Amino acid sequence: MNSEADWAKGAQQFQQLFGDSWSRALQSFQGLDLGPATASGLTPPAISFSPDALQQLQQQYVQEATALWNEGLHANPVSTDKRFAADAWGHNPVAAFSAAAYLLNARTLMGLADAVQADAKTKARIRFAVEQWMAASSPSNFLALNAEAQKKAVETQGESIAKGVQNLLHDMRQGHVSMTDESVFEVGRNVGTTEGAVVFENDLFQLIEYKPLTAKVHERPFLLVPPCINKFYILDLQPENSLIRYAVEQGHRTFVVSWRNPDESLGHLTWDNYIEDAAIKAIQVVREISGQDKKGGQINALGFCVGGTILGTALAVLAARGEKPVASATFLTTFLDFSDTGVLDLFIDEAFVKFREMQLGQGGLLKGQDLASTFSFLRPNDLVWNYVVGNYLKGETPPPFDLLYWNSDSTNLPGPMYAWYLRNTYFENNLVKPGHCTVAGQQVDLGKLDMPVYIYGSREDHIVPIGGAYASTQYLPGKKRFVMGASGHIAGVINPPAKKKRSYWTNDKLPRTHAEWLKGATEHPGSWWTDWSDWLKGHAGKLIAAPKAYGKGKYKVIEAAPGRYVKAKA
């Protein structure tokens, strides 16, 4: 192109190209898979677009496309998106242009998603589908378009490509994308190392008692119920970030439920089994070992995520039986009210629930890797494609990270248990409806849980949104304390005081919504652990001499912590 006429002709052709892209984008929305309702053969939801919004988007698209064309010919577009931030992208005009064009298309498609006129759930599903589509189609995900990976291949004389192929074959064999160097870690050797012993086990769980680190302990023992969809050592990663070790150091006689990783022989287990034979059984055994059962004494208990839902259900069952063995309860990033489940709500409707009930309701296993993949794709750029690019295109080995090692150590779930949980919590939200569901022969009523409770939620949690965690304050009638921590579902919880990181917020008033609570909240630097520790000590009873041996009576040492169950792979 050597004349102004040639430039103008090129710009016109480019506008026509993007105009065709615009038309194809509009058409593609008509074929979007909107989830289980469409897949099941039910009538798909009707969608339309706001004409004004479409006109504005189209005009903006053509303007930005024309500007990009001119900029692409005269300069190298620079992106602030971390996927394209490396110098190699800026120094390669073709790569820089492809990245800029991709980002323009992504912005426009998201604008189209926002312009959809439909019910709220359909709009959210469309937005989620477009986000997944755009994350997967990024030029950074393809060696032919990734300037950074190409540069590394040249610099290493192809070694990075060979290493990437090796990484791909390794991950295909292990069945998941490597997020960390898993060869560095071993449960019981350098994660899950707090000293203790297994003092009880059945088909569902092992009960671990930890060795006291103080000469005296509080009279009331402390039981932790972790999520059964993960392994308990998230609470005991390293000595410096172990909530379990911290509790022991604070003078609590500490026990933890270590869930068994179910195999096909346990595929028949139900939600009732997890309540009666696990949570309630663990409470009973801890009381017997500590001697609290003989004098009508109580224990303190903590539930984390699904472990909190299990604990809350178990306490409601016990309350219906006239039993109150727990003096105080802590709920960490826990749903009791499932009316605000965030992005996970996109997957749940009658068709999906019925499909899962038909598939798993009578037996079988929900594979742990299926759950892990679902959670990863809630943040696809950070938890999926980032590792695809690093591992396979650049031939890198991700650095060792204890939390990501745990995240990759998935756990199966029995089908009937999962199917009951799916319908009665995420879909029908029955736990907060007094007497609406029956568990272990008792009608559940959270209004009977009048013990003091400590409720924690993480501000950026995408698994249990902060509003969902806060909602428990509206259903538990006892004295309550709600605390919000910074960061997400895991990092917000695993925030030891010694690192002096992040913040937490408190407010003694508990209005109806979290938004109202936040207006009056006070921010404190550091970890919420210290606030919780001060609260728990007020419910832990007097100090007594620490026990010199594990277990008691018929509850003898079976093996050293962390036990066999946590080491079983899915």
Protein backbone atom coordinates (compact mmCIF):
# COMPACT_ATOMS: atom_id res chain seq x y z
CA MET A 1 0.00 0.00 0.00
CA ASN A 2 1.74 3.11 -1.27
CA SER A 3 -1.07 5.64 -1.66
CA GLU A 4 -3.83 7.19 0.45
CA ALA A 5 -6.37 5.39 -1.73
CA ASP A 6 -4.73 2.05 -0.91
CA TRP A 7 -4.85 2.89 2.81
CA ALA A 8 -8.52 3.79 2.58
CA LYS A 9 -9.28 0.61 0.61
CA GLY A 10 -7.48 -1.48 3.22
CA ALA A 11 -9.40 0.17 6.04
CA GLN A 12 -12.70 -0.43 4.20
CA GLN A 13 -11.85 -4.10 3.69
CA PHE A 14 -10.90 -4.42 7.32
CA GLN A 15 -14.19 -2.87 8.42
CA GLN A 16 -16.02 -5.32 6.16
CA LEU A 17 -14.05 -8.19 7.73
CA PHE A 18 -15.01 -7.12 11.23
CA GLY A 19 -18.58 -6.48 10.10
CA ASP A 20 -18.75 -10.11 9.00
CA SER A 21 -17.27 -11.14 12.36
CA TRP A 22 -19.96 -9.12 14.08
CA SER A 23 -22.70 -10.95 12.16
CA ARG A 24 -21.19 -14.33 12.96
CA ALA A 25 -20.94 -13.41 16.64
CA LEU A 26 -24.63 -12.53 16.75
CA GLN A 27 -25.54 -15.80 15.04
CA SER A 28 -23.37 -17.82 17.42
CA PHE A 29 -25.43 -16.69 20.39
CA GLN A 30 -28.42 -18.49 18.95
CA GLY A 31 -26.51 -21.77 19.21
CA LEU A 32 -25.08 -21.38 22.69
CA ASP A 33 -25.40 -24.41 24.97
CA LEU A 34 -27.23 -22.97 27.93
CA GLY A 35 -26.76 -25.97 30.14
CA PRO A 36 -28.83 -28.93 31.30
CA ALA A 37 -32.21 -27.56 30.19
CA THR A 38 -31.08 -27.46 26.56
CA ALA A 39 -29.23 -30.78 26.78
CA SER A 40 -32.22 -32.54 28.30
CA GLY A 41 -34.49 -31.78 25.37
CA LEU A 42 -36.56 -29.20 27.23
CA THR A 43 -37.50 -26.00 25.43
CA PRO A 44 -34.46 -23.69 25.56
CA PRO A 45 -35.03 -20.26 27.09
CA ALA A 46 -35.85 -17.46 24.67
CA ILE A 47 -33.29 -14.71 24.33
CA SER A 48 -33.33 -11.37 22.55
CA PHE A 49 -31.14 -8.28 22.43
CA SER A 50 -31.71 -4.67 23.28
CA PRO A 51 -31.69 -2.86 19.87
CA ASP A 52 -30.10 0.25 21.37
CA ALA A 53 -27.38 -1.74 23.06
CA LEU A 54 -26.68 -3.67 19.85
CA GLN A 55 -26.38 -0.48 17.81
CA GLN A 56 -24.02 1.07 20.33
CA LEU A 57 -21.90 -2.08 20.50
CA GLN A 58 -21.67 -2.35 16.73
CA GLN A 59 -20.63 1.27 16.30
CA GLN A 60 -18.04 0.95 19.05
CA TYR A 61 -16.76 -2.30 17.57
CA VAL A 62 -16.22 -0.85 14.10
CA GLN A 63 -14.55 2.27 15.54
CA GLU A 64 -12.16 0.25 17.69
CA ALA A 65 -11.48 -2.20 14.87
CA THR A 66 -10.56 0.65 12.51
CA ALA A 67 -8.33 2.23 15.16
CA LEU A 68 -6.68 -1.13 15.78
CA TRP A 69 -6.03 -1.56 12.07
CA ASN A 70 -4.31 1.82 11.82
CA GLU A 71 -2.41 1.32 15.06
CA GLY A 72 -1.37 -2.17 14.02
CA LEU A 73 0.21 -0.85 10.83
CA HIS A 74 2.12 2.00 12.44
CA ALA A 75 2.95 0.71 15.95
CA ASN A 76 3.00 -2.39 18.11
CA PRO A 77 -0.12 -2.47 20.33
CA VAL A 78 0.84 -3.08 23.96
CA SER A 79 -1.49 -4.92 26.30
CA THR A 80 -1.79 -4.77 30.07
CA ASP A 81 -3.38 -8.24 30.10
CA LYS A 82 -0.89 -10.51 31.87
CA ARG A 83 -1.30 -13.18 29.19
CA PHE A 84 0.28 -10.78 26.68
CA ALA A 85 2.49 -8.70 28.98
CA ALA A 86 5.86 -10.27 28.08
CA ASP A 87 8.19 -8.26 25.85
CA ALA A 88 8.00 -10.92 23.14
CA TRP A 89 4.42 -9.97 22.37
CA GLY A 90 5.24 -6.28 21.96
CA HIS A 91 8.27 -6.99 19.78
CA ASN A 92 6.32 -9.18 17.37
CA PRO A 93 3.84 -7.03 15.37
CA VAL A 94 1.77 -9.99 14.18
CA ALA A 95 1.49 -11.46 17.68
CA ALA A 96 0.73 -8.07 19.22
CA PHE A 97 -1.97 -7.45 16.63
CA SER A 98 -3.55 -10.90 17.18
CA ALA A 99 -3.63 -10.26 20.94
CA ALA A 100 -5.21 -6.83 20.50
CA ALA A 101 -7.80 -8.19 18.02
CA TYR A 102 -8.62 -11.03 20.42
CA LEU A 103 -9.11 -8.61 23.33
CA LEU A 104 -11.38 -6.43 21.19
CA ASN A 105 -13.47 -9.45 20.23
CA ALA A 106 -13.58 -10.60 23.85
CA ARG A 107 -14.79 -7.19 25.06
CA THR A 108 -17.44 -7.09 22.37
CA LEU A 109 -18.70 -10.60 22.98
CA MET A 110 -18.96 -9.86 26.70
CA GLY A 111 -20.88 -6.73 25.75
CA LEU A 112 -23.20 -8.87 23.66
CA ALA A 113 -23.69 -11.19 26.61
CA ASP A 114 -24.62 -8.22 28.79
CA ALA A 115 -27.04 -6.99 26.11
CA VAL A 116 -29.06 -10.22 26.17
CA GLN A 117 -32.63 -9.79 27.33
CA ALA A 118 -33.63 -12.92 29.24
CA ASP A 119 -34.19 -14.15 32.77
CA ALA A 120 -31.31 -13.64 35.21
CA LYS A 121 -30.16 -17.27 35.19
CA THR A 122 -30.10 -17.49 31.40
CA LYS A 123 -28.11 -14.24 31.20
CA ALA A 124 -25.63 -15.54 33.76
CA ARG A 125 -25.27 -18.83 31.87
CA ILE A 126 -24.63 -17.01 28.60
CA ARG A 127 -22.03 -14.80 30.25
CA PHE A 128 -20.32 -17.86 31.79
CA ALA A 129 -20.32 -19.70 28.44
CA VAL A 130 -18.81 -16.69 26.65
CA GLU A 131 -16.15 -16.33 29.37
CA GLN A 132 -15.18 -19.99 28.92
CA TRP A 133 -15.19 -19.62 25.14
CA MET A 134 -12.96 -16.56 25.20
CA ALA A 135 -10.58 -18.01 27.80
CA ALA A 136 -10.10 -21.12 25.66
CA SER A 137 -9.63 -19.24 22.37
CA SER A 138 -6.94 -16.84 23.55
CA PRO A 139 -3.97 -16.72 21.13
CA SER A 140 -1.71 -17.27 24.13
CA ASN A 141 -3.02 -20.87 24.29
CA PHE A 142 -1.61 -21.82 20.87
CA LEU A 143 2.06 -22.28 20.02
CA ALA A 144 1.52 -20.89 16.50
CA LEU A 145 0.30 -17.59 18.01
CA ASN A 146 2.17 -17.35 21.31
CA ALA A 147 5.17 -15.09 20.71
CA GLU A 148 6.62 -15.74 24.15
CA ALA A 149 6.57 -19.53 23.71
CA GLN A 150 8.03 -19.19 20.21
CA LYS A 151 10.87 -17.02 21.51
CA LYS A 152 11.66 -19.55 24.22
CA ALA A 153 11.66 -22.37 21.69
CA VAL A 154 14.23 -20.50 19.59
CA GLU A 155 16.39 -19.61 22.59
CA THR A 156 16.40 -23.22 23.88
CA GLN A 157 16.85 -24.68 20.38
CA GLY A 158 13.58 -26.58 20.70
CA GLU A 159 14.24 -27.98 24.17
CA SER A 160 11.22 -26.17 25.63
CA ILE A 161 8.96 -27.85 23.07
CA ALA A 162 10.38 -31.29 23.87
CA LYS A 163 9.94 -30.64 27.58
CA GLY A 164 6.39 -29.43 26.96
CA VAL A 165 5.53 -32.69 25.18
CA GLN A 166 6.98 -34.64 28.13
CA ASN A 167 4.87 -32.56 30.53
CA LEU A 168 1.76 -33.17 28.44
CA LEU A 169 2.31 -36.94 28.40
CA HIS A 170 2.95 -36.91 32.16
CA ASP A 171 -0.28 -35.03 32.85
CA MET A 172 -2.25 -37.31 30.54
CA ARG A 173 -1.02 -40.30 32.54
CA GLN A 174 -1.89 -38.74 35.91
CA GLY A 175 -5.27 -37.48 34.68
CA HIS A 176 -5.01 -33.77 35.50
CA VAL A 177 -3.06 -30.65 34.62
CA SER A 178 -0.12 -30.14 36.99
CA MET A 179 -0.45 -26.93 39.00
CA THR A 180 2.69 -27.53 41.04
CA ASP A 181 5.64 -29.87 41.21
CA GLU A 182 3.81 -32.70 42.95
CA SER A 183 6.99 -34.77 43.33
CA VAL A 184 8.17 -32.39 46.06
CA PHE A 185 5.35 -33.20 48.48
CA GLU A 186 4.29 -36.26 50.45
CA VAL A 187 1.50 -36.34 53.01
CA GLY A 188 2.99 -37.09 56.41
CA ARG A 189 6.52 -36.14 55.34
CA ASN A 190 6.29 -32.42 54.56
CA VAL A 191 2.55 -31.69 54.57
CA GLY A 192 0.14 -32.89 57.26
CA THR A 193 2.97 -33.31 59.78
CA THR A 194 1.49 -32.16 63.12
CA GLU A 195 2.22 -34.97 65.59
CA GLY A 196 -0.74 -37.11 66.59
CA ALA A 197 -2.37 -40.52 66.35
CA VAL A 198 -5.47 -42.16 64.90
CA VAL A 199 -7.63 -43.24 67.85
CA PHE A 200 -10.79 -44.38 66.04
CA GLU A 201 -11.83 -45.41 62.55
CA ASN A 202 -14.82 -46.77 60.67
CA ASP A 203 -15.69 -47.04 56.98
CA LEU A 204 -16.21 -43.28 56.68
CA PHE A 205 -13.45 -41.57 58.65
CA GLN A 206 -10.48 -41.78 60.96
CA LEU A 207 -10.39 -39.64 64.09
CA ILE A 208 -6.98 -38.11 64.77
CA GLU A 209 -5.98 -36.82 68.20
CA TYR A 210 -3.02 -34.42 68.31
CA LYS A 211 -0.22 -34.35 70.85
CA PRO A 212 -0.54 -31.39 73.26
CA LEU A 213 2.11 -28.69 72.94
CA THR A 214 1.26 -27.08 76.28
CA ALA A 215 1.50 -28.38 79.83
CA LYS A 216 -2.17 -27.63 80.37
CA VAL A 217 -5.14 -27.81 78.01
CA HIS A 218 -8.64 -26.47 78.12
CA GLU A 219 -11.19 -28.78 79.68
CA ARG A 220 -13.42 -28.86 76.62
CA PRO A 221 -11.77 -30.63 73.67
CA PHE A 222 -11.92 -29.22 70.17
CA LEU A 223 -13.12 -31.17 67.09
CA LEU A 224 -12.53 -30.04 63.49
CA VAL A 225 -14.76 -31.32 60.66
CA PRO A 226 -13.10 -30.51 57.31
CA PRO A 227 -14.86 -30.75 53.93
CA CYS A 228 -15.37 -34.28 52.64
CA ILE A 229 -14.77 -33.12 49.07
CA ASN A 230 -11.14 -32.41 49.96
CA LYS A 231 -8.54 -33.82 52.35
CA PHE A 232 -8.14 -32.53 55.89
CA TYR A 233 -4.50 -31.47 55.58
CA ILE A 234 -5.54 -28.14 54.08
CA LEU A 235 -5.80 -27.31 57.79
CA ASP A 236 -2.29 -28.72 58.39
CA LEU A 237 -0.17 -27.87 55.36
CA GLN A 238 3.09 -26.71 56.95
CA PRO A 239 3.87 -26.02 60.62
CA GLU A 240 3.85 -22.27 59.98
CA ASN A 241 0.41 -22.20 58.30
CA SER A 242 -1.37 -25.05 60.10
CA LEU A 243 -4.66 -24.10 61.76
CA ILE A 244 -4.56 -27.47 63.54
CA ARG A 245 -1.13 -26.81 65.03
CA TYR A 246 -2.22 -23.28 65.96
CA ALA A 247 -5.21 -24.66 67.89
CA VAL A 248 -2.94 -27.12 69.71
CA GLU A 249 -0.51 -24.31 70.56
CA GLN A 250 -3.39 -22.32 72.05
CA GLY A 251 -3.98 -25.10 74.58
CA HIS A 252 -6.87 -26.98 72.97
CA ARG A 253 -7.02 -30.76 73.05
CA THR A 254 -7.53 -31.08 69.32
CA PHE A 255 -9.17 -33.80 67.20
CA VAL A 256 -9.85 -33.86 63.46
CA VAL A 257 -12.01 -35.96 61.16
CA SER A 258 -9.96 -37.46 58.33
CA TRP A 259 -12.47 -38.56 55.69
CA ARG A 260 -11.98 -41.76 53.79
CA ASN A 261 -11.56 -41.38 50.04
CA PRO A 262 -14.51 -43.55 48.90
CA ASP A 263 -14.03 -46.35 46.42
CA GLU A 264 -16.72 -48.40 44.67
CA SER A 265 -17.37 -50.42 47.85
CA LEU A 266 -18.69 -47.23 49.51
CA GLY A 267 -20.71 -46.02 46.53
CA HIS A 268 -23.97 -46.74 48.37
CA LEU A 269 -23.42 -44.30 51.27
CA THR A 270 -25.94 -41.52 51.86
CA TRP A 271 -26.04 -38.08 53.47
CA ASP A 272 -27.53 -39.77 56.54
CA ASN A 273 -24.40 -41.92 56.81
CA TYR A 274 -22.18 -38.86 56.75
CA ILE A 275 -24.24 -37.26 59.52
CA GLU A 276 -24.93 -40.25 61.78
CA ASP A 277 -21.88 -42.45 61.22
CA ALA A 278 -19.32 -39.66 60.83
CA ALA A 279 -20.10 -36.25 62.35
CA ILE A 280 -22.28 -37.46 65.22
CA LYS A 281 -20.01 -40.46 65.82
CA ALA A 282 -16.93 -38.22 65.95
CA ILE A 283 -18.62 -35.94 68.52
CA GLN A 284 -19.50 -38.99 70.62
CA VAL A 285 -15.99 -40.46 70.51
CA VAL A 286 -14.32 -37.14 71.38
CA ARG A 287 -16.63 -36.78 74.39
CA GLU A 288 -15.85 -40.31 75.55
CA ILE A 289 -12.09 -39.96 75.16
CA SER A 290 -12.07 -36.64 77.01
CA GLY A 291 -14.45 -37.85 79.73
CA GLN A 292 -17.01 -35.18 78.92
CA ASP A 293 -19.72 -37.78 78.35
CA LYS A 294 -19.70 -38.94 82.01
CA LYS A 295 -20.41 -35.53 83.49
CA GLY A 296 -22.74 -34.22 80.84
CA GLY A 297 -19.93 -32.07 79.49
CA GLN A 298 -19.56 -30.56 76.07
CA ILE A 299 -16.97 -30.07 73.37
CA ASN A 300 -16.26 -27.25 70.90
CA ALA A 301 -16.51 -27.96 67.18
CA LEU A 302 -15.49 -26.35 63.89
CA GLY A 303 -16.77 -27.06 60.39
CA PHE A 304 -15.05 -25.86 57.21
CA CYS A 305 -16.96 -25.48 53.91
CA VAL A 306 -19.04 -28.66 53.33
CA GLY A 307 -17.72 -29.83 56.70
CA GLY A 308 -19.60 -26.89 58.22
CA THR A 309 -22.81 -27.91 56.43
CA ILE A 310 -22.34 -31.45 57.75
CA LEU A 311 -21.62 -30.16 61.27
CA GLY A 312 -24.64 -27.84 61.25
CA THR A 313 -26.91 -30.66 60.05
CA ALA A 314 -25.53 -33.05 62.69
CA LEU A 315 -26.07 -30.52 65.47
CA ALA A 316 -29.67 -30.00 64.29
CA VAL A 317 -30.25 -33.77 64.34
CA LEU A 318 -28.85 -33.99 67.87
CA ALA A 319 -30.95 -31.01 68.98
CA ALA A 320 -34.07 -32.74 67.64
CA ARG A 321 -33.14 -35.68 69.89
CA GLY A 322 -32.83 -33.36 72.87
CA GLU A 323 -29.02 -33.56 72.91
CA LYS A 324 -26.65 -30.59 73.01
CA PRO A 325 -23.11 -32.00 73.25
CA VAL A 326 -21.43 -28.98 71.59
CA ALA A 327 -20.80 -25.83 73.64
CA SER A 328 -19.81 -23.63 70.69
CA ALA A 329 -19.55 -24.03 66.92
CA THR A 330 -17.33 -22.34 64.35
CA PHE A 331 -18.38 -22.22 60.70
CA LEU A 332 -15.66 -21.34 58.18
CA THR A 333 -16.79 -20.39 54.64
CA THR A 334 -19.91 -22.49 55.14
CA PHE A 335 -23.31 -22.60 53.49
CA LEU A 336 -26.32 -23.28 55.68
CA ASP A 337 -28.56 -21.03 53.57
CA PHE A 338 -27.98 -21.87 49.89
CA SER A 339 -29.95 -18.99 48.39
CA ASP A 340 -26.77 -17.14 47.29
CA THR A 341 -24.37 -19.71 45.84
CA GLY A 342 -22.75 -17.45 43.28
CA VAL A 343 -21.52 -18.88 39.99
CA LEU A 344 -22.22 -22.48 41.04
CA ASP A 345 -25.93 -21.72 40.74
CA LEU A 346 -25.47 -21.65 36.94
CA PHE A 347 -25.18 -25.43 36.87
CA ILE A 348 -28.19 -26.23 39.02
CA ASP A 349 -31.73 -26.70 37.73
CA GLU A 350 -34.35 -29.44 37.81
CA ALA A 351 -33.05 -31.16 34.70
CA PHE A 352 -29.47 -31.28 35.99
CA VAL A 353 -30.51 -32.51 39.43
CA LYS A 354 -32.75 -35.22 37.96
CA PHE A 355 -29.95 -36.32 35.65
CA ARG A 356 -27.52 -36.66 38.57
CA GLU A 357 -30.15 -38.52 40.63
CA MET A 358 -30.73 -40.93 37.76
CA GLN A 359 -26.99 -41.35 37.24
CA LEU A 360 -25.80 -41.61 40.86
CA GLY A 361 -28.80 -41.61 43.21
CA GLN A 362 -28.89 -45.39 43.62
CA GLY A 363 -25.14 -45.93 43.84
CA GLY A 364 -21.79 -45.20 42.27
CA LEU A 365 -19.15 -42.52 42.70
CA LEU A 366 -18.82 -38.90 41.74
CA LYS A 367 -15.16 -38.82 40.73
CA GLY A 368 -12.97 -36.37 42.57
CA GLN A 369 -11.39 -35.13 39.35
CA ASP A 370 -14.82 -34.11 38.04
CA LEU A 371 -15.30 -31.88 41.06
CA ALA A 372 -11.78 -30.49 40.83
CA SER A 373 -12.23 -29.62 37.14
CA THR A 374 -15.52 -27.85 37.85
CA PHE A 375 -13.95 -25.65 40.51
CA SER A 376 -10.91 -24.93 38.33
CA PHE A 377 -13.03 -23.74 35.40
CA LEU A 378 -14.72 -21.20 37.64
CA ARG A 379 -11.41 -19.30 37.17
CA PRO A 380 -10.20 -20.72 33.83
CA ASN A 381 -7.39 -18.26 33.05
CA ASP A 382 -5.78 -18.63 36.48
CA LEU A 383 -6.42 -22.32 37.20
CA VAL A 384 -6.45 -23.97 33.75
CA TRP A 385 -5.00 -22.12 30.77
CA ASN A 386 -2.18 -20.53 32.74
CA TYR A 387 -0.81 -24.03 33.39
CA VAL A 388 -1.52 -25.26 29.86
CA VAL A 389 0.65 -22.44 28.50
CA GLY A 390 3.41 -22.82 31.09
CA ASN A 391 3.58 -26.61 31.18
CA TYR A 392 3.08 -27.48 27.52
CA LEU A 393 3.92 -24.45 25.34
CA LYS A 394 6.87 -23.19 27.38
CA GLY A 395 8.00 -26.54 28.81
CA GLU A 396 8.12 -25.21 32.37
CA THR A 397 7.71 -27.12 35.61
CA PRO A 398 5.41 -25.18 37.95
CA PRO A 399 7.09 -24.25 41.26
CA PRO A 400 6.34 -26.21 44.46
CA PHE A 401 3.29 -24.87 46.29
CA ASP A 402 1.72 -26.82 49.15
CA LEU A 403 -1.78 -25.41 48.66
CA LEU A 404 -1.88 -26.35 44.97
CA TYR A 405 -0.55 -29.83 45.76
CA TRP A 406 -3.49 -30.25 48.13
CA ASN A 407 -5.84 -28.83 45.50
CA SER A 408 -4.77 -31.57 43.08
CA ASP A 409 -5.25 -34.35 45.64
CA SER A 410 -8.90 -34.95 44.83
CA THR A 411 -11.53 -36.97 46.68
CA ASN A 412 -14.47 -39.05 45.42
CA LEU A 413 -18.02 -38.78 46.78
CA PRO A 414 -20.63 -41.55 47.11
CA GLY A 415 -23.35 -41.00 44.50
CA PRO A 416 -26.43 -41.17 46.80
CA MET A 417 -24.84 -38.77 49.29
CA TYR A 418 -24.01 -36.31 46.51
CA ALA A 419 -27.46 -36.56 44.89
CA TRP A 420 -29.24 -35.83 48.22
CA TYR A 421 -26.90 -32.93 48.92
CA LEU A 422 -27.39 -31.47 45.44
CA ARG A 423 -31.19 -31.45 45.62
CA ASN A 424 -31.70 -30.50 49.26
CA THR A 425 -29.09 -27.76 49.49
CA TYR A 426 -28.09 -26.12 46.21
CA PHE A 427 -31.41 -26.68 44.44
CA GLU A 428 -34.20 -26.63 47.05
CA ASN A 429 -32.37 -24.98 49.99
CA ASN A 430 -34.20 -27.20 52.45
CA LEU A 431 -31.84 -26.96 55.44
CA VAL A 432 -33.10 -23.48 56.36
CA LYS A 433 -36.76 -24.51 56.11
CA PRO A 434 -37.69 -25.79 59.60
CA GLY A 435 -38.86 -29.39 59.48
CA HIS A 436 -38.69 -29.53 55.69
CA CYS A 437 -36.12 -32.30 55.40
CA THR A 438 -35.51 -35.41 57.47
CA VAL A 439 -31.96 -36.54 58.24
CA ALA A 440 -31.06 -39.59 60.33
CA GLY A 441 -34.70 -39.93 61.33
CA GLN A 442 -35.07 -36.35 62.58
CA GLN A 443 -36.61 -33.22 61.14
CA VAL A 444 -33.95 -30.55 60.73
CA ASP A 445 -34.52 -27.17 62.36
CA LEU A 446 -31.49 -24.86 62.53
CA GLY A 447 -33.51 -22.65 64.89
CA LYS A 448 -32.74 -25.14 67.66
CA LEU A 449 -28.99 -24.47 67.48
CA ASP A 450 -28.81 -21.93 70.29
CA MET A 451 -25.12 -22.39 71.16
CA PRO A 452 -22.68 -19.49 70.58
CA VAL A 453 -21.31 -19.53 67.02
CA TYR A 454 -18.37 -17.93 65.24
CA ILE A 455 -19.02 -17.45 61.51
CA TYR A 456 -16.21 -16.62 59.09
CA GLY A 457 -16.46 -15.66 55.41
CA SER A 458 -13.81 -14.67 52.86
CA ARG A 459 -14.33 -11.45 50.93
CA GLU A 460 -13.34 -12.78 47.47
CA ASP A 461 -14.66 -16.32 47.89
CA HIS A 462 -16.05 -17.71 44.61
CA ILE A 463 -17.10 -21.05 46.17
CA VAL A 464 -19.03 -19.69 49.17
CA PRO A 465 -19.71 -16.02 48.33
CA ILE A 466 -19.44 -13.72 51.32
CA GLY A 467 -23.18 -13.05 51.28
CA GLY A 468 -23.86 -16.79 51.47
CA ALA A 469 -21.51 -17.19 54.44
CA TYR A 470 -23.10 -14.20 56.20
CA ALA A 471 -26.62 -15.57 55.69
CA SER A 472 -26.06 -18.11 58.49
CA THR A 473 -26.33 -15.24 60.99
CA GLN A 474 -30.03 -14.94 60.15
CA TYR A 475 -30.90 -18.55 61.02
CA LEU A 476 -28.87 -19.42 64.13
CA PRO A 477 -30.56 -18.00 67.25
CA GLY A 478 -27.62 -18.11 69.69
CA LYS A 479 -25.02 -15.46 70.36
CA LYS A 480 -23.15 -14.89 67.11
CA ARG A 481 -19.92 -13.32 65.91
CA PHE A 482 -19.33 -12.77 62.20
CA VAL A 483 -15.86 -11.99 60.83
CA MET A 484 -14.82 -11.36 57.24
CA GLY A 485 -11.30 -12.05 56.02
CA ALA A 486 -9.51 -10.86 52.90
CA SER A 487 -8.77 -13.08 49.88
CA GLY A 488 -10.59 -16.22 48.74
CA HIS A 489 -12.03 -19.54 49.84
CA ILE A 490 -8.74 -21.12 50.89
CA ALA A 491 -6.14 -18.35 51.11
CA GLY A 492 -8.46 -16.29 53.29
CA VAL A 493 -8.85 -19.15 55.77
CA ILE A 494 -5.20 -20.24 55.75
CA ASN A 495 -3.76 -16.92 56.90
CA PRO A 496 -1.54 -17.45 59.98
CA PRO A 497 -0.79 -14.48 62.27
CA ALA A 498 2.99 -14.87 61.99
CA LYS A 499 2.97 -13.78 58.34
CA LYS A 500 1.16 -10.52 59.18
CA LYS A 501 -0.67 -10.60 55.85
CA ARG A 502 -4.07 -9.36 54.73
CA SER A 503 -6.83 -8.00 56.96
CA TYR A 504 -10.08 -8.96 58.63
CA TRP A 505 -13.23 -7.03 59.45
CA THR A 506 -15.53 -7.13 62.50
CA ASN A 507 -18.88 -5.60 63.43
CA ASP A 508 -20.80 -6.58 66.56
CA LYS A 509 -24.12 -5.70 64.91
CA LEU A 510 -25.69 -8.26 62.60
CA PRO A 511 -28.19 -6.60 60.24
CA ARG A 512 -30.13 -8.54 57.64
CA THR A 513 -27.59 -8.39 54.81
CA HIS A 514 -23.83 -8.51 54.51
CA ALA A 515 -23.83 -5.20 52.63
CA GLU A 516 -25.42 -3.52 55.66
CA TRP A 517 -22.99 -5.29 57.99
CA LEU A 518 -20.00 -4.12 55.95
CA LYS A 519 -21.02 -0.44 56.21
CA GLY A 520 -20.41 -0.57 59.95
CA ALA A 521 -17.45 -2.96 59.94
CA THR A 522 -13.98 -2.12 61.21
CA GLU A 523 -10.86 -3.33 59.40
CA HIS A 524 -7.99 -4.89 61.38
CA PRO A 525 -4.56 -5.72 59.93
CA GLY A 526 -3.37 -9.32 59.98
CA SER A 527 -5.05 -12.67 60.54
CA TRP A 528 -8.54 -13.40 61.83
CA TRP A 529 -7.05 -16.39 63.71
CA THR A 530 -6.22 -14.24 66.75
CA ASP A 531 -9.79 -12.92 66.97
CA TRP A 532 -11.17 -16.45 66.72
CA SER A 533 -8.68 -17.79 69.28
CA ASP A 534 -9.74 -15.17 71.82
CA TRP A 535 -13.38 -16.06 71.18
CA LEU A 536 -12.83 -19.82 71.44
CA LYS A 537 -10.96 -19.55 74.75
CA GLY A 538 -14.07 -18.01 76.25
CA HIS A 539 -15.96 -21.23 75.53
CA ALA A 540 -13.21 -23.78 76.22
CA GLY A 541 -13.51 -24.12 80.00
CA LYS A 542 -10.84 -24.19 82.65
CA LEU A 543 -7.26 -25.37 82.17
CA ILE A 544 -6.39 -28.91 83.24
CA ALA A 545 -3.27 -31.07 82.97
CA ALA A 546 -2.60 -32.17 79.38
CA PRO A 547 -3.15 -35.90 78.77
CA LYS A 548 0.01 -37.97 78.61
CA ALA A 549 -1.35 -40.54 76.16
CA TYR A 550 -3.62 -40.69 73.14
CA GLY A 551 -7.14 -42.04 73.37
CA LYS A 552 -8.71 -43.68 76.40
CA GLY A 553 -10.11 -47.07 77.31
CA LYS A 554 -11.33 -48.86 74.19
CA TYR A 555 -10.05 -46.02 72.01
CA LYS A 556 -6.42 -46.98 71.51
CA VAL A 557 -3.79 -45.83 69.06
CA ILE A 558 -4.35 -47.40 65.65
CA GLU A 559 -1.51 -45.69 63.79
CA ALA A 560 0.40 -42.43 63.72
CA ALA A 561 -1.09 -39.32 62.17
CA PRO A 562 -1.93 -38.48 59.45
CA GLY A 563 -3.19 -42.04 59.00
CA ARG A 564 -3.96 -44.22 55.99
CA TYR A 565 -7.22 -42.66 54.85
CA VAL A 566 -5.75 -39.31 53.85
CA LYS A 567 -3.11 -40.99 51.70
CA ALA A 568 -5.59 -42.88 49.51
CA LYS A 569 -5.75 -41.42 45.99
CA ALA A 570 -8.97 -40.92 44.06
